[in-house]
N, C-alpha and C. Protein backbone atom coordinates (compact mmCIF):
# COMPACT_ATOMS: atom_id res chain seq x y z
N MET A 1 13.73 -7.20 16.38
CA MET A 1 14.21 -7.20 15.00
C MET A 1 14.64 -5.77 14.64
N LYS A 2 15.78 -5.65 14.03
CA LYS A 2 16.26 -4.34 13.61
C LYS A 2 15.35 -3.77 12.52
N LYS A 3 15.31 -2.44 12.46
CA LYS A 3 14.44 -1.76 11.50
C LYS A 3 14.72 -2.21 10.06
N GLU A 4 15.99 -2.30 9.69
CA GLU A 4 16.34 -2.68 8.32
C GLU A 4 15.88 -4.10 8.00
N ALA A 5 16.04 -5.01 8.97
CA ALA A 5 15.61 -6.39 8.75
C ALA A 5 14.09 -6.47 8.64
N PHE A 6 13.39 -5.70 9.46
CA PHE A 6 11.92 -5.67 9.40
C PHE A 6 11.46 -5.16 8.04
N ILE A 7 12.06 -4.07 7.57
CA ILE A 7 11.67 -3.49 6.28
C ILE A 7 12.01 -4.43 5.13
N GLU A 8 13.15 -5.09 5.20
CA GLU A 8 13.51 -6.06 4.16
C GLU A 8 12.52 -7.21 4.14
N ASN A 9 12.08 -7.66 5.30
CA ASN A 9 11.08 -8.71 5.39
C ASN A 9 9.76 -8.25 4.76
N GLU A 10 9.35 -7.02 5.04
CA GLU A 10 8.15 -6.45 4.43
C GLU A 10 8.29 -6.39 2.92
N ARG A 11 9.45 -5.94 2.43
CA ARG A 11 9.70 -5.85 0.99
C ARG A 11 9.56 -7.21 0.33
N LYS A 12 10.16 -8.22 0.93
CA LYS A 12 10.07 -9.58 0.37
C LYS A 12 8.64 -10.09 0.35
N THR A 13 7.92 -9.84 1.44
CA THR A 13 6.53 -10.29 1.53
C THR A 13 5.66 -9.61 0.49
N ILE A 14 5.76 -8.29 0.39
CA ILE A 14 4.96 -7.53 -0.57
C ILE A 14 5.33 -7.92 -2.00
N SER A 15 6.62 -8.11 -2.26
CA SER A 15 7.07 -8.49 -3.61
C SER A 15 6.53 -9.84 -4.05
N ALA A 16 6.29 -10.73 -3.08
CA ALA A 16 5.82 -12.07 -3.41
C ALA A 16 4.34 -12.11 -3.75
N LEU A 17 3.60 -11.05 -3.43
CA LEU A 17 2.16 -11.02 -3.69
C LEU A 17 1.91 -10.73 -5.18
N ASP A 18 1.09 -11.55 -5.78
CA ASP A 18 0.79 -11.37 -7.20
C ASP A 18 -0.68 -11.71 -7.44
N HIS A 19 -1.52 -10.69 -7.44
CA HIS A 19 -2.94 -10.89 -7.65
C HIS A 19 -3.51 -9.61 -8.23
N GLN A 20 -4.55 -9.72 -9.05
CA GLN A 20 -5.14 -8.55 -9.70
C GLN A 20 -5.72 -7.54 -8.71
N ASN A 21 -6.05 -7.98 -7.50
CA ASN A 21 -6.64 -7.08 -6.51
C ASN A 21 -5.61 -6.47 -5.56
N ILE A 22 -4.33 -6.69 -5.81
CA ILE A 22 -3.27 -6.17 -4.96
C ILE A 22 -2.39 -5.24 -5.77
N ILE A 23 -2.16 -4.04 -5.24
CA ILE A 23 -1.23 -3.10 -5.89
C ILE A 23 0.17 -3.68 -5.77
N HIS A 24 0.91 -3.68 -6.86
CA HIS A 24 2.23 -4.30 -6.90
C HIS A 24 3.33 -3.37 -6.38
N PHE A 25 4.30 -3.98 -5.73
CA PHE A 25 5.49 -3.31 -5.24
C PHE A 25 6.43 -3.08 -6.41
N GLU A 26 7.04 -1.89 -6.48
CA GLU A 26 7.97 -1.59 -7.57
C GLU A 26 9.42 -1.54 -7.09
N ALA A 27 9.70 -0.76 -6.02
CA ALA A 27 11.09 -0.57 -5.59
C ALA A 27 11.12 -0.03 -4.16
N VAL A 28 12.31 -0.09 -3.57
CA VAL A 28 12.53 0.53 -2.25
C VAL A 28 13.73 1.46 -2.37
N ASN A 29 13.60 2.65 -1.79
CA ASN A 29 14.70 3.61 -1.73
C ASN A 29 15.12 3.70 -0.27
N TRP A 30 16.30 3.15 0.03
CA TRP A 30 16.77 3.07 1.42
C TRP A 30 17.27 4.42 1.93
N ASP A 31 17.42 5.40 1.06
CA ASP A 31 17.95 6.70 1.47
C ASP A 31 17.15 7.83 0.82
N ALA A 32 15.85 7.83 1.01
CA ALA A 32 14.98 8.85 0.41
C ALA A 32 14.98 10.11 1.27
N THR A 33 14.83 11.24 0.62
CA THR A 33 14.70 12.51 1.33
C THR A 33 13.26 12.96 1.26
N TYR A 34 12.65 13.19 2.42
CA TYR A 34 11.27 13.65 2.50
C TYR A 34 11.28 15.14 2.79
N VAL A 35 10.55 15.90 1.98
CA VAL A 35 10.46 17.34 2.17
C VAL A 35 9.10 17.68 2.78
N LYS A 36 9.12 18.29 3.96
CA LYS A 36 7.89 18.69 4.63
C LYS A 36 7.33 19.96 4.00
N LYS A 37 6.08 20.28 4.31
CA LYS A 37 5.44 21.48 3.77
C LYS A 37 6.20 22.75 4.16
N ASN A 38 6.84 22.74 5.33
CA ASN A 38 7.57 23.93 5.77
C ASN A 38 8.96 24.03 5.16
N GLY A 39 9.32 23.08 4.30
CA GLY A 39 10.59 23.11 3.59
C GLY A 39 11.69 22.31 4.26
N SER A 40 11.51 21.91 5.51
CA SER A 40 12.53 21.10 6.17
C SER A 40 12.51 19.68 5.59
N THR A 41 13.62 18.99 5.74
CA THR A 41 13.74 17.64 5.17
C THR A 41 14.23 16.66 6.23
N TYR A 42 13.99 15.38 5.95
CA TYR A 42 14.61 14.33 6.76
C TYR A 42 14.76 13.09 5.90
N GLN A 43 15.70 12.24 6.30
CA GLN A 43 15.97 11.01 5.57
C GLN A 43 14.99 9.93 6.04
N THR A 44 14.54 9.14 5.09
CA THR A 44 13.59 8.07 5.40
C THR A 44 13.77 6.93 4.40
N ILE A 45 12.98 5.91 4.54
CA ILE A 45 12.96 4.78 3.60
C ILE A 45 11.62 4.86 2.88
N ALA A 46 11.64 4.75 1.54
CA ALA A 46 10.41 4.90 0.76
C ALA A 46 10.18 3.66 -0.11
N PHE A 47 8.94 3.18 -0.09
CA PHE A 47 8.52 2.11 -1.00
C PHE A 47 7.81 2.76 -2.17
N THR A 48 8.08 2.28 -3.37
CA THR A 48 7.36 2.72 -4.55
C THR A 48 6.40 1.61 -4.95
N MET A 49 5.13 1.98 -5.05
CA MET A 49 4.10 1.00 -5.38
C MET A 49 3.49 1.35 -6.74
N GLU A 50 2.83 0.40 -7.34
CA GLU A 50 2.11 0.59 -8.60
C GLU A 50 1.09 1.74 -8.42
N TYR A 51 0.94 2.55 -9.43
CA TYR A 51 0.00 3.66 -9.39
C TYR A 51 -1.44 3.13 -9.51
N ALA A 52 -2.29 3.54 -8.59
CA ALA A 52 -3.71 3.15 -8.61
C ALA A 52 -4.49 4.31 -9.23
N GLU A 53 -4.68 4.25 -10.54
CA GLU A 53 -5.28 5.35 -11.30
C GLU A 53 -6.63 5.80 -10.74
N ARG A 54 -7.41 4.86 -10.29
CA ARG A 54 -8.76 5.20 -9.80
C ARG A 54 -8.78 5.36 -8.28
N GLY A 55 -7.61 5.46 -7.65
CA GLY A 55 -7.55 5.63 -6.20
C GLY A 55 -7.57 4.30 -5.49
N ASN A 56 -7.68 4.37 -4.18
CA ASN A 56 -7.70 3.13 -3.40
C ASN A 56 -9.02 3.01 -2.65
N LEU A 57 -9.19 1.90 -1.99
CA LEU A 57 -10.44 1.61 -1.30
C LEU A 57 -10.75 2.66 -0.23
N TYR A 58 -9.74 3.12 0.48
CA TYR A 58 -9.98 4.11 1.54
C TYR A 58 -10.47 5.43 0.97
N GLU A 59 -9.90 5.86 -0.16
CA GLU A 59 -10.37 7.10 -0.81
C GLU A 59 -11.81 6.94 -1.28
N TYR A 60 -12.11 5.78 -1.84
CA TYR A 60 -13.46 5.52 -2.32
C TYR A 60 -14.46 5.54 -1.16
N LEU A 61 -14.09 4.90 -0.07
CA LEU A 61 -14.95 4.86 1.12
C LEU A 61 -15.17 6.27 1.68
N ASP A 62 -14.13 7.08 1.66
CA ASP A 62 -14.24 8.45 2.15
C ASP A 62 -15.24 9.25 1.31
N GLN A 63 -15.23 9.04 0.01
CA GLN A 63 -16.12 9.77 -0.89
C GLN A 63 -17.54 9.20 -0.89
N ALA A 64 -17.66 7.89 -0.85
CA ALA A 64 -18.97 7.24 -0.99
C ALA A 64 -19.73 7.11 0.32
N GLY A 65 -19.02 7.17 1.43
CA GLY A 65 -19.68 6.96 2.71
C GLY A 65 -19.77 5.47 3.02
N ALA A 66 -20.58 5.14 4.00
CA ALA A 66 -20.70 3.75 4.45
C ALA A 66 -21.20 2.86 3.32
N PHE A 67 -20.62 1.67 3.20
CA PHE A 67 -21.02 0.71 2.19
C PHE A 67 -22.21 -0.11 2.68
N SER A 68 -23.00 -0.57 1.74
CA SER A 68 -24.07 -1.53 2.08
C SER A 68 -23.42 -2.88 2.39
N GLU A 69 -24.17 -3.76 3.00
CA GLU A 69 -23.65 -5.07 3.34
C GLU A 69 -23.24 -5.85 2.09
N ASP A 70 -23.99 -5.71 1.00
CA ASP A 70 -23.64 -6.40 -0.25
C ASP A 70 -22.31 -5.92 -0.81
N VAL A 71 -22.07 -4.61 -0.77
CA VAL A 71 -20.80 -4.06 -1.26
C VAL A 71 -19.65 -4.52 -0.38
N VAL A 72 -19.85 -4.49 0.93
CA VAL A 72 -18.82 -4.94 1.87
C VAL A 72 -18.48 -6.41 1.60
N ARG A 73 -19.50 -7.21 1.37
CA ARG A 73 -19.28 -8.63 1.10
C ARG A 73 -18.44 -8.82 -0.17
N THR A 74 -18.71 -8.02 -1.20
CA THR A 74 -17.95 -8.10 -2.45
C THR A 74 -16.49 -7.73 -2.24
N TYR A 75 -16.24 -6.61 -1.56
CA TYR A 75 -14.86 -6.20 -1.30
C TYR A 75 -14.13 -7.19 -0.40
N PHE A 76 -14.83 -7.72 0.59
CA PHE A 76 -14.20 -8.69 1.47
C PHE A 76 -13.80 -9.95 0.70
N GLN A 77 -14.65 -10.38 -0.21
CA GLN A 77 -14.32 -11.54 -1.04
C GLN A 77 -13.07 -11.27 -1.87
N GLN A 78 -12.95 -10.06 -2.42
CA GLN A 78 -11.75 -9.70 -3.18
C GLN A 78 -10.51 -9.71 -2.30
N LEU A 79 -10.63 -9.23 -1.06
CA LEU A 79 -9.50 -9.26 -0.13
C LEU A 79 -9.07 -10.69 0.16
N ILE A 80 -10.05 -11.56 0.38
CA ILE A 80 -9.74 -12.97 0.64
C ILE A 80 -9.06 -13.61 -0.56
N GLU A 81 -9.53 -13.31 -1.75
CA GLU A 81 -8.92 -13.87 -2.97
C GLU A 81 -7.48 -13.37 -3.13
N GLY A 82 -7.18 -12.19 -2.66
CA GLY A 82 -5.84 -11.65 -2.75
C GLY A 82 -4.82 -12.38 -1.91
N ARG A 83 -5.25 -13.17 -0.95
CA ARG A 83 -4.34 -13.94 -0.09
C ARG A 83 -3.77 -15.13 -0.79
N ARG A 84 -4.41 -15.62 -1.82
CA ARG A 84 -4.00 -16.88 -2.47
C ARG A 84 -2.72 -16.72 -3.24
């Protein structure tokens, strides 16, 4: 599958998701310019997603450390509900 077709398929799939536990897709920029820390740039494709004010699960896990089994069960249930 060509890169553009793969990305368009991802965009359609993400756009179709609508659940309170899923960050929403906003837009795609097919010709975005990425600026590296050293000042060099390159062209890329960028997805714009809903802003997660309180961060995401990975950031929380990084700060909180390993979750208890009860917490993991709660988050897993939310992930499963997001599939519907």
